[in-house]
Amino acid sequence: MIIASKYEIPDTCPVDCIGKSEVFSQGGLCTRCPIFNCRKVETNDEYADKDGMFCLIKPEDYREDWAKVWSEWFKGDMKEYPILHLKKE
């Protein structure tokens, strides 16, 4: 999947992602992950696009600074948490 119009990340969660061992929570790794936020899922509610799909954040709208960090993180060993700054630098 391409996010922020230029950064490549996996389409699905990697088997060895450290986030898989966490309890899912608002402050967890997965809730910031572009795979979770940008992956389209099927829905039949008012949020569906013309194809009946929905995502929390459109891939092209994902924060560019975070997209770069995630892209590098997925290409690395994924053993440490990615450093995602709250304030854009």
N, C-alpha and C. Protein backbone atom coordinates (compact mmCIF):
# COMPACT_ATOMS: atom_id res chain seq x y z
N MET A 1 0.86 -1.17 0.00
CA MET A 1 0.00 0.00 0.00
C MET A 1 0.91 1.24 0.00
N ILE A 2 0.48 2.26 -0.71
CA ILE A 2 1.21 3.53 -0.74
C ILE A 2 0.46 4.52 0.16
N ILE A 3 1.17 5.13 1.09
CA ILE A 3 0.57 6.12 1.99
C ILE A 3 1.29 7.46 1.80
N ALA A 4 0.59 8.54 2.12
CA ALA A 4 1.13 9.90 1.96
C ALA A 4 1.68 10.10 0.55
N SER A 5 1.07 9.40 -0.40
CA SER A 5 1.36 9.51 -1.83
C SER A 5 2.74 9.05 -2.27
N LYS A 6 3.58 8.52 -1.33
CA LYS A 6 4.90 8.08 -1.80
C LYS A 6 5.60 7.04 -0.95
N TYR A 7 5.05 6.66 0.18
CA TYR A 7 5.73 5.70 1.05
C TYR A 7 5.05 4.35 1.01
N GLU A 8 5.84 3.31 0.77
CA GLU A 8 5.29 1.97 0.67
C GLU A 8 5.31 1.26 2.03
N ILE A 9 4.21 0.63 2.34
CA ILE A 9 4.09 -0.19 3.55
C ILE A 9 3.37 -1.48 3.16
N PRO A 10 3.40 -2.50 4.00
CA PRO A 10 2.69 -3.74 3.67
C PRO A 10 1.17 -3.51 3.62
N ASP A 11 0.49 -4.36 2.88
CA ASP A 11 -0.98 -4.30 2.80
C ASP A 11 -1.64 -4.92 4.03
N THR A 12 -0.94 -5.84 4.67
CA THR A 12 -1.48 -6.51 5.86
C THR A 12 -0.42 -6.53 6.95
N CYS A 13 -0.85 -6.75 8.16
CA CYS A 13 0.05 -6.77 9.31
C CYS A 13 1.08 -7.90 9.19
N PRO A 14 2.36 -7.57 9.29
CA PRO A 14 3.39 -8.61 9.22
C PRO A 14 3.27 -9.59 10.40
N VAL A 15 3.57 -10.82 10.15
CA VAL A 15 3.49 -11.88 11.15
C VAL A 15 4.34 -11.56 12.37
N ASP A 16 5.50 -10.96 12.17
CA ASP A 16 6.43 -10.71 13.27
C ASP A 16 6.32 -9.31 13.89
N CYS A 17 5.23 -8.61 13.65
CA CYS A 17 5.06 -7.27 14.22
C CYS A 17 4.95 -7.34 15.74
N ILE A 18 5.67 -6.46 16.43
CA ILE A 18 5.65 -6.48 17.90
C ILE A 18 4.32 -6.03 18.47
N GLY A 19 3.51 -5.34 17.68
CA GLY A 19 2.20 -4.89 18.14
C GLY A 19 1.22 -6.03 18.37
N LYS A 20 1.46 -7.16 17.73
CA LYS A 20 0.54 -8.31 17.86
C LYS A 20 0.49 -8.86 19.27
N SER A 21 1.52 -8.63 20.05
CA SER A 21 1.55 -9.18 21.42
C SER A 21 0.92 -8.22 22.43
N GLU A 22 0.58 -7.00 21.98
CA GLU A 22 -0.02 -6.01 22.88
C GLU A 22 -1.53 -6.21 23.00
N VAL A 23 -2.06 -5.76 24.12
CA VAL A 23 -3.50 -5.65 24.25
C VAL A 23 -3.91 -4.46 23.40
N PHE A 24 -4.96 -4.62 22.59
CA PHE A 24 -5.39 -3.51 21.74
C PHE A 24 -5.97 -2.41 22.61
N SER A 25 -5.43 -1.20 22.47
CA SER A 25 -5.91 -0.07 23.27
C SER A 25 -5.73 1.22 22.48
N GLN A 26 -6.35 2.27 22.96
CA GLN A 26 -6.28 3.56 22.29
C GLN A 26 -4.84 4.06 22.16
N GLY A 27 -3.99 3.76 23.10
CA GLY A 27 -2.61 4.22 23.07
C GLY A 27 -1.64 3.23 22.48
N GLY A 28 -2.12 2.13 21.96
CA GLY A 28 -1.25 1.07 21.46
C GLY A 28 -0.66 1.36 20.09
N LEU A 29 0.29 0.54 19.72
CA LEU A 29 0.98 0.68 18.45
C LEU A 29 0.02 0.57 17.27
N CYS A 30 -0.90 -0.36 17.33
CA CYS A 30 -1.79 -0.62 16.20
C CYS A 30 -2.68 0.58 15.86
N THR A 31 -3.08 1.35 16.85
CA THR A 31 -3.97 2.47 16.56
C THR A 31 -3.29 3.60 15.82
N ARG A 32 -1.98 3.59 15.74
CA ARG A 32 -1.24 4.59 14.97
C ARG A 32 -0.77 4.03 13.63
N CYS A 33 -0.83 2.73 13.52
CA CYS A 33 -0.32 2.05 12.34
C CYS A 33 -1.15 2.36 11.09
N PRO A 34 -0.48 2.69 9.99
CA PRO A 34 -1.22 2.98 8.76
C PRO A 34 -1.94 1.75 8.19
N ILE A 35 -1.47 0.55 8.50
CA ILE A 35 -2.19 -0.63 8.03
C ILE A 35 -3.58 -0.66 8.66
N PHE A 36 -3.65 -0.42 9.96
CA PHE A 36 -4.93 -0.38 10.65
C PHE A 36 -5.78 0.80 10.18
N ASN A 37 -5.17 1.96 10.05
CA ASN A 37 -5.90 3.18 9.73
C ASN A 37 -6.27 3.35 8.27
N CYS A 38 -5.46 2.85 7.36
CA CYS A 38 -5.65 3.11 5.94
C CYS A 38 -6.20 1.93 5.14
N ARG A 39 -6.21 0.76 5.73
CA ARG A 39 -6.73 -0.41 5.01
C ARG A 39 -8.24 -0.29 4.86
N LYS A 40 -8.72 -0.52 3.66
CA LYS A 40 -10.15 -0.46 3.41
C LYS A 40 -10.82 -1.75 3.86
N VAL A 41 -11.97 -1.57 4.48
CA VAL A 41 -12.80 -2.71 4.90
C VAL A 41 -14.20 -2.52 4.33
N GLU A 42 -14.87 -3.61 4.12
CA GLU A 42 -16.22 -3.56 3.58
C GLU A 42 -17.20 -3.10 4.64
N THR A 43 -18.13 -2.24 4.24
CA THR A 43 -19.15 -1.75 5.15
C THR A 43 -20.42 -1.45 4.36
N ASN A 44 -21.54 -1.38 5.06
CA ASN A 44 -22.78 -1.05 4.37
C ASN A 44 -23.46 0.16 5.03
N ASP A 45 -22.66 0.98 5.72
CA ASP A 45 -23.24 2.15 6.38
C ASP A 45 -22.99 3.41 5.55
N GLU A 46 -23.34 4.55 6.11
CA GLU A 46 -23.25 5.81 5.38
C GLU A 46 -21.81 6.25 5.12
N TYR A 47 -20.83 5.59 5.72
CA TYR A 47 -19.43 5.95 5.52
C TYR A 47 -18.80 5.22 4.34
N ALA A 48 -19.53 4.33 3.73
CA ALA A 48 -19.01 3.54 2.61
C ALA A 48 -18.77 4.43 1.39
N ASP A 49 -17.71 4.12 0.66
CA ASP A 49 -17.49 4.80 -0.61
C ASP A 49 -18.37 4.13 -1.67
N LYS A 50 -18.20 4.50 -2.91
CA LYS A 50 -19.06 3.95 -3.97
C LYS A 50 -18.91 2.44 -4.14
N ASP A 51 -17.80 1.89 -3.66
CA ASP A 51 -17.56 0.45 -3.76
C ASP A 51 -17.95 -0.30 -2.48
N GLY A 52 -18.55 0.41 -1.52
CA GLY A 52 -18.95 -0.22 -0.26
C GLY A 52 -17.80 -0.41 0.71
N MET A 53 -16.73 0.39 0.55
CA MET A 53 -15.55 0.25 1.40
C MET A 53 -15.38 1.50 2.28
N PHE A 54 -14.62 1.31 3.37
CA PHE A 54 -14.36 2.38 4.33
C PHE A 54 -12.97 2.22 4.90
N CYS A 55 -12.31 3.36 5.17
CA CYS A 55 -11.06 3.35 5.93
C CYS A 55 -11.07 4.57 6.84
N LEU A 56 -10.38 4.47 7.96
CA LEU A 56 -10.34 5.59 8.90
C LEU A 56 -9.64 6.81 8.32
N ILE A 57 -8.51 6.56 7.66
CA ILE A 57 -7.73 7.65 7.04
C ILE A 57 -7.41 7.22 5.62
N LYS A 58 -7.72 8.06 4.66
CA LYS A 58 -7.37 7.74 3.28
C LYS A 58 -5.84 7.66 3.20
N PRO A 59 -5.31 6.65 2.50
CA PRO A 59 -3.85 6.50 2.43
C PRO A 59 -3.11 7.77 2.02
N GLU A 60 -3.68 8.52 1.11
CA GLU A 60 -3.01 9.75 0.66
C GLU A 60 -3.05 10.86 1.71
N ASP A 61 -3.94 10.73 2.70
CA ASP A 61 -4.07 11.73 3.75
C ASP A 61 -3.29 11.40 5.03
N TYR A 62 -2.63 10.24 5.06
CA TYR A 62 -1.87 9.87 6.24
C TYR A 62 -0.70 10.85 6.41
N ARG A 63 -0.38 11.19 7.64
CA ARG A 63 0.70 12.15 7.91
C ARG A 63 2.00 11.73 7.23
N GLU A 64 2.58 12.65 6.46
CA GLU A 64 3.78 12.32 5.71
C GLU A 64 4.96 11.99 6.63
N ASP A 65 5.12 12.74 7.73
CA ASP A 65 6.25 12.47 8.62
C ASP A 65 6.12 11.08 9.26
N TRP A 66 4.92 10.70 9.65
CA TRP A 66 4.71 9.36 10.21
C TRP A 66 4.85 8.29 9.13
N ALA A 67 4.37 8.59 7.92
CA ALA A 67 4.45 7.63 6.82
C ALA A 67 5.90 7.24 6.55
N LYS A 68 6.80 8.22 6.58
CA LYS A 68 8.22 7.95 6.36
C LYS A 68 8.77 7.04 7.46
N VAL A 69 8.42 7.34 8.71
CA VAL A 69 8.89 6.53 9.84
C VAL A 69 8.36 5.10 9.72
N TRP A 70 7.08 4.94 9.44
CA TRP A 70 6.49 3.60 9.31
C TRP A 70 7.12 2.82 8.15
N SER A 71 7.31 3.47 7.02
CA SER A 71 7.90 2.80 5.86
C SER A 71 9.28 2.24 6.21
N GLU A 72 10.10 3.06 6.86
CA GLU A 72 11.43 2.61 7.29
C GLU A 72 11.33 1.51 8.34
N TRP A 73 10.38 1.63 9.26
CA TRP A 73 10.20 0.65 10.33
C TRP A 73 9.84 -0.71 9.75
N PHE A 74 8.90 -0.73 8.80
CA PHE A 74 8.50 -2.01 8.20
C PHE A 74 9.64 -2.63 7.40
N LYS A 75 10.51 -1.82 6.84
CA LYS A 75 11.65 -2.35 6.09
C LYS A 75 12.76 -2.84 7.01
N GLY A 76 12.73 -2.41 8.28
CA GLY A 76 13.74 -2.81 9.26
C GLY A 76 13.34 -4.07 9.99
N ASP A 77 13.84 -4.23 11.22
CA ASP A 77 13.58 -5.46 11.97
C ASP A 77 12.32 -5.40 12.85
N MET A 78 11.72 -4.23 12.98
CA MET A 78 10.47 -4.03 13.74
C MET A 78 10.59 -4.50 15.19
N LYS A 79 11.77 -4.42 15.77
CA LYS A 79 11.96 -4.88 17.16
C LYS A 79 11.71 -3.78 18.18
N GLU A 80 11.91 -2.54 17.81
CA GLU A 80 11.67 -1.39 18.69
C GLU A 80 10.46 -0.64 18.16
N TYR A 81 9.82 0.14 19.02
CA TYR A 81 8.69 0.93 18.58
C TYR A 81 9.15 2.07 17.68
N PRO A 82 8.39 2.38 16.63
CA PRO A 82 8.76 3.53 15.81
C PRO A 82 8.58 4.82 16.61
N ILE A 83 9.42 5.80 16.34
CA ILE A 83 9.32 7.07 17.04
C ILE A 83 8.45 8.00 16.20
N LEU A 84 7.24 8.27 16.73
CA LEU A 84 6.26 9.08 16.04
C LEU A 84 6.04 10.36 16.84
N HIS A 85 6.52 11.45 16.34
CA HIS A 85 6.39 12.73 17.05
C HIS A 85 4.96 13.24 16.94
N LEU A 86 4.41 13.70 18.05
CA LEU A 86 3.06 14.25 18.03
C LEU A 86 2.99 15.54 17.25
N LYS A 87 4.00 16.37 17.44
CA LYS A 87 4.04 17.67 16.75
C LYS A 87 4.88 17.52 15.49
N LYS A 88 4.35 17.99 14.38
CA LYS A 88 5.12 17.94 13.14
C LYS A 88 6.33 18.84 13.25
N GLU A 89 7.45 18.35 12.79
CA GLU A 89 8.68 19.13 12.86
C GLU A 89 8.91 19.92 11.60
